[in-house]
Amino acid sequence: MGVRITVRSLWTKATPSTFIYEFAQSRIVIGRSRSADVQLPHSAVSGSHASIREQDAGYVLVDEGSTNGTRVNDIRVAVGRAKVLRDRDLVDLGGYRLTIDVGVPVAQTMSARLTTDFARRILAEQLAGEGDLEAELNAIHKGPDERVELLPILAETVSEPPPVRQSRPSRPRQSRPSTDPPAEPIKLRRSELAVYALAALVVATSIVAMSLLMSP
């Protein structure tokens, strides 16, 4: 059982790659120097910035007197004081975000060659193809620490489903009986009745006349 460290650089403009380090040793040094087990190629990281150590059947993180400090889960740790690590803890140091898994089975332990290769690949992403990679890496190894403000650990955004709107049952509308009195039947006058009767007689006479004319 050992420790798995997943590293992402916050100094890249594009989406950074993830680099996974696995160790089964009792002490892991994180820093900028060539001798560090996890090399982070930026002057904001001290040469021996922090270490992860076995302690009481678990693992702790210790800031080794770094220039810019170390934070675990967005809380700054005191220099030289051990901070107990738990699975999925987030460590922020010098512009790098580390996810720590402790007590995990280790498939392949890191070698010095693989550690250096990771450092080159991280720096290549940070430079975005600009400048001499080897010259920049040498300058970072030999140069002094750069004092910077600690970059924040960005919280993972979790999308929440929209709230469920509860539909209220519609109230049935009660029909009210009409209070208006019923309409009275229309009564025709005698003169109007005479006009209707005469019109009906004319129509009937016309129909008879047309029938006689059309008959052979």
Protein backbone atom coordinates (compact mmCIF):
# COMPACT_ATOMS: atom_id res chain seq x y z
CA MET A 1 0.00 0.00 0.00
CA GLY A 2 1.21 3.50 -0.73
CA VAL A 3 0.36 7.02 -1.88
CA ARG A 4 -1.01 8.24 -5.20
CA ILE A 5 -0.52 11.92 -6.08
CA THR A 6 -2.38 13.44 -9.02
CA VAL A 7 -0.83 16.73 -10.16
CA ARG A 8 -2.31 19.51 -12.28
CA SER A 9 -0.59 22.79 -13.08
CA LEU A 10 -2.55 26.03 -12.69
CA TRP A 11 0.07 27.91 -14.71
CA THR A 12 -1.17 26.62 -18.07
CA LYS A 13 -3.50 28.67 -20.25
CA ALA A 14 -5.13 25.61 -21.80
CA THR A 15 -6.73 22.73 -19.95
CA PRO A 16 -3.86 21.10 -18.03
CA SER A 17 -3.00 17.42 -18.24
CA THR A 18 -3.02 15.24 -15.13
CA PHE A 19 0.15 13.51 -13.99
CA ILE A 20 -0.11 10.56 -11.61
CA TYR A 21 2.73 9.68 -9.24
CA GLU A 22 2.69 6.51 -7.14
CA PHE A 23 5.02 5.80 -4.22
CA ALA A 24 5.46 3.02 -1.70
CA GLN A 25 8.26 4.75 0.26
CA SER A 26 8.10 6.21 3.76
CA ARG A 27 8.98 9.81 2.73
CA ILE A 28 8.11 11.67 -0.47
CA VAL A 29 9.65 15.07 -1.20
CA ILE A 30 7.67 17.57 -3.27
CA GLY A 31 9.61 20.52 -4.68
CA ARG A 32 11.39 22.26 -7.51
CA SER A 33 14.82 20.68 -7.18
CA ARG A 34 16.11 17.83 -9.32
CA SER A 35 16.29 15.59 -6.24
CA ALA A 36 12.57 15.98 -5.42
CA ASP A 37 10.39 12.91 -5.84
CA VAL A 38 7.65 15.11 -7.33
CA GLN A 39 9.32 17.86 -9.39
CA LEU A 40 7.11 20.91 -9.96
CA PRO A 41 8.88 23.19 -12.47
CA HIS A 42 8.08 26.71 -11.31
CA SER A 43 9.99 29.21 -9.17
CA ALA A 44 6.91 29.67 -6.95
CA VAL A 45 7.69 26.18 -5.61
CA SER A 46 10.62 25.91 -3.20
CA GLY A 47 13.43 23.41 -3.77
CA SER A 48 12.14 21.12 -1.00
CA HIS A 49 8.70 22.60 -0.57
CA ALA A 50 6.82 19.90 1.36
CA SER A 51 6.98 16.21 2.18
CA ILE A 52 4.58 13.35 2.74
CA ARG A 53 5.58 10.93 5.47
CA GLU A 54 4.30 7.72 7.02
CA GLN A 55 3.03 8.24 10.54
CA ASP A 56 0.86 6.12 12.86
CA ALA A 57 -0.29 3.71 10.14
CA GLY A 58 -1.22 6.67 7.94
CA TYR A 59 0.34 9.60 6.12
CA VAL A 60 0.94 13.23 7.00
CA LEU A 61 2.03 16.30 5.03
CA VAL A 62 4.71 18.67 6.36
CA ASP A 63 5.65 22.07 4.94
CA GLU A 64 9.44 22.12 4.89
CA GLY A 65 9.78 25.89 5.34
CA SER A 66 8.63 26.90 1.84
CA THR A 67 8.59 30.50 0.65
CA ASN A 68 4.95 30.58 -0.43
CA GLY A 69 3.43 28.08 1.97
CA THR A 70 1.20 25.03 1.54
CA ARG A 71 -2.52 24.57 1.93
CA VAL A 72 -4.58 21.45 2.47
CA ASN A 73 -8.25 21.74 1.50
CA ASP A 74 -7.80 25.53 1.25
CA ILE A 75 -6.40 25.82 4.80
CA ARG A 76 -2.79 26.89 5.23
CA VAL A 77 -0.67 24.49 7.24
CA ALA A 78 1.94 25.63 9.75
CA VAL A 79 5.58 25.15 8.80
CA GLY A 80 7.01 21.95 10.26
CA ARG A 81 3.69 20.80 11.72
CA ALA A 82 2.32 17.49 10.45
CA LYS A 83 -1.09 17.57 8.80
CA VAL A 84 -2.89 14.23 8.62
CA LEU A 85 -3.87 13.31 5.06
CA ARG A 86 -7.06 11.58 4.04
CA ASP A 87 -8.30 10.26 0.72
CA ARG A 88 -9.07 12.93 -1.89
CA ASP A 89 -7.44 15.75 0.09
CA LEU A 90 -6.53 18.73 -2.10
CA VAL A 91 -3.08 20.25 -1.63
CA ASP A 92 -2.19 23.65 -3.10
CA LEU A 93 1.44 24.70 -3.34
CA GLY A 94 3.05 27.25 -5.63
CA GLY A 95 0.36 27.16 -8.30
CA TYR A 96 -0.08 23.39 -8.48
CA ARG A 97 -3.07 21.37 -7.42
CA LEU A 98 -2.42 17.95 -5.95
CA THR A 99 -5.05 15.33 -5.17
CA ILE A 100 -3.84 12.84 -2.57
CA ASP A 101 -4.97 9.22 -2.20
CA VAL A 102 -3.46 7.36 0.75
CA GLY A 103 -3.29 3.66 1.51
CA VAL A 104 -3.83 2.63 -2.11
CA PRO A 105 -2.26 -0.30 -3.95
CA VAL A 106 0.71 0.85 -6.00
CA ALA A 107 1.08 -0.60 -9.49
CA GLN A 108 4.35 1.11 -10.47
CA THR A 109 6.59 3.19 -8.24
CA MET A 110 8.16 6.32 -9.62
CA SER A 111 11.74 6.41 -10.88
CA ALA A 112 14.02 9.44 -11.12
CA ARG A 113 13.84 9.23 -14.90
CA LEU A 114 10.04 9.20 -14.97
CA THR A 115 9.87 12.06 -12.46
CA THR A 116 12.14 14.19 -14.67
CA ASP A 117 10.11 13.29 -17.74
CA PHE A 118 6.93 14.45 -15.99
CA ALA A 119 8.63 17.73 -15.06
CA ARG A 120 9.56 18.35 -18.70
CA ARG A 121 6.03 17.63 -19.88
CA ILE A 122 4.50 19.89 -17.25
CA LEU A 123 6.88 22.71 -18.19
CA ALA A 124 6.16 22.21 -21.90
CA GLU A 125 2.46 22.82 -21.25
CA GLN A 126 3.24 25.90 -19.15
CA LEU A 127 5.46 27.37 -21.88
CA ALA A 128 2.94 26.48 -24.61
CA GLY A 129 5.75 25.81 -27.07
CA GLU A 130 7.59 29.08 -26.38
CA GLY A 131 11.26 29.18 -25.39
CA ASP A 132 13.95 26.54 -24.95
CA LEU A 133 12.54 23.79 -22.73
CA GLU A 134 15.87 22.55 -21.35
CA ALA A 135 17.23 26.07 -20.78
CA GLU A 136 14.05 27.07 -18.93
CA LEU A 137 14.14 23.92 -16.81
CA ASN A 138 17.79 24.52 -15.83
CA ALA A 139 17.02 28.14 -14.95
CA ILE A 140 14.12 27.04 -12.74
CA HIS A 141 16.29 24.48 -10.94
CA LYS A 142 19.12 26.93 -10.27
CA GLY A 143 17.13 30.12 -9.71
CA PRO A 144 15.79 31.56 -6.44
CA ASP A 145 12.28 31.17 -5.11
CA GLU A 146 9.71 33.61 -6.46
CA ARG A 147 7.35 35.02 -3.87
CA VAL A 148 3.78 34.94 -5.19
CA GLU A 149 0.28 34.95 -3.82
CA LEU A 150 -1.04 31.44 -3.38
CA LEU A 151 -3.42 30.52 -6.15
CA PRO A 152 -6.77 29.31 -4.82
CA ILE A 153 -7.88 25.73 -5.02
CA LEU A 154 -10.79 25.87 -7.41
CA ALA A 155 -13.79 24.03 -6.05
CA GLU A 156 -15.32 21.48 -8.34
CA THR A 157 -18.60 22.77 -9.67
CA VAL A 158 -21.44 20.37 -9.17
CA SER A 159 -24.46 20.91 -11.33
CA GLU A 160 -27.67 20.63 -9.37
CA PRO A 161 -30.95 19.64 -10.95
CA PRO A 162 -33.51 22.42 -11.18
CA PRO A 163 -36.06 22.44 -8.35
CA VAL A 164 -39.18 20.45 -9.02
CA ARG A 165 -42.17 22.68 -9.36
CA GLN A 166 -45.16 21.27 -7.55
CA SER A 167 -48.30 21.70 -9.58
CA ARG A 168 -51.40 22.62 -7.64
CA PRO A 169 -54.63 20.86 -8.55
CA SER A 170 -57.01 23.14 -10.31
CA ARG A 171 -60.23 23.88 -8.50
CA PRO A 172 -63.37 22.95 -10.43
CA ARG A 173 -65.48 25.91 -11.32
CA GLN A 174 -69.03 25.69 -10.06
CA SER A 175 -71.65 26.67 -12.58
CA ARG A 176 -74.20 29.11 -11.23
CA PRO A 177 -77.77 29.01 -12.37
CA SER A 178 -78.84 32.02 -14.35
CA THR A 179 -80.94 34.48 -12.40
CA ASP A 180 -82.30 36.17 -15.52
CA PRO A 181 -86.05 35.56 -16.16
CA PRO A 182 -86.92 33.49 -19.28
CA ALA A 183 -87.56 35.51 -22.41
CA GLU A 184 -91.18 35.94 -23.38
CA PRO A 185 -92.36 34.59 -26.80
CA ILE A 186 -92.51 37.19 -29.55
CA LYS A 187 -96.07 38.14 -30.52
CA LEU A 188 -96.81 39.26 -34.12
CA ARG A 189 -99.31 41.91 -34.96
CA ARG A 190 -102.30 41.26 -37.29
CA SER A 191 -100.87 43.44 -40.04
CA GLU A 192 -97.61 41.52 -39.95
CA LEU A 193 -99.51 38.23 -40.17
CA ALA A 194 -101.36 39.49 -43.22
CA VAL A 195 -98.13 40.44 -44.98
CA TYR A 196 -96.59 36.99 -44.32
CA ALA A 197 -99.75 35.26 -45.57
CA LEU A 198 -99.83 37.33 -48.79
CA ALA A 199 -96.14 36.58 -49.43
CA ALA A 200 -96.76 32.87 -48.99
CA LEU A 201 -99.71 33.01 -51.43
CA VAL A 202 -97.58 34.78 -54.08
CA VAL A 203 -94.83 32.18 -53.77
CA ALA A 204 -97.34 29.30 -54.08
CA THR A 205 -98.96 30.88 -57.13
CA SER A 206 -95.60 31.35 -58.80
CA ILE A 207 -94.68 27.71 -58.24
CA VAL A 208 -98.01 26.53 -59.79
CA ALA A 209 -97.57 28.83 -62.80
CA MET A 210 -94.08 27.59 -63.45
CA SER A 211 -95.24 24.02 -63.26
CA LEU A 212 -97.95 24.64 -65.87
CA LEU A 213 -95.54 26.34 -68.24
CA MET A 214 -93.02 23.52 -68.05
CA SER A 215 -95.53 20.74 -68.55
CA PRO A 216 -95.81 19.43 -72.20
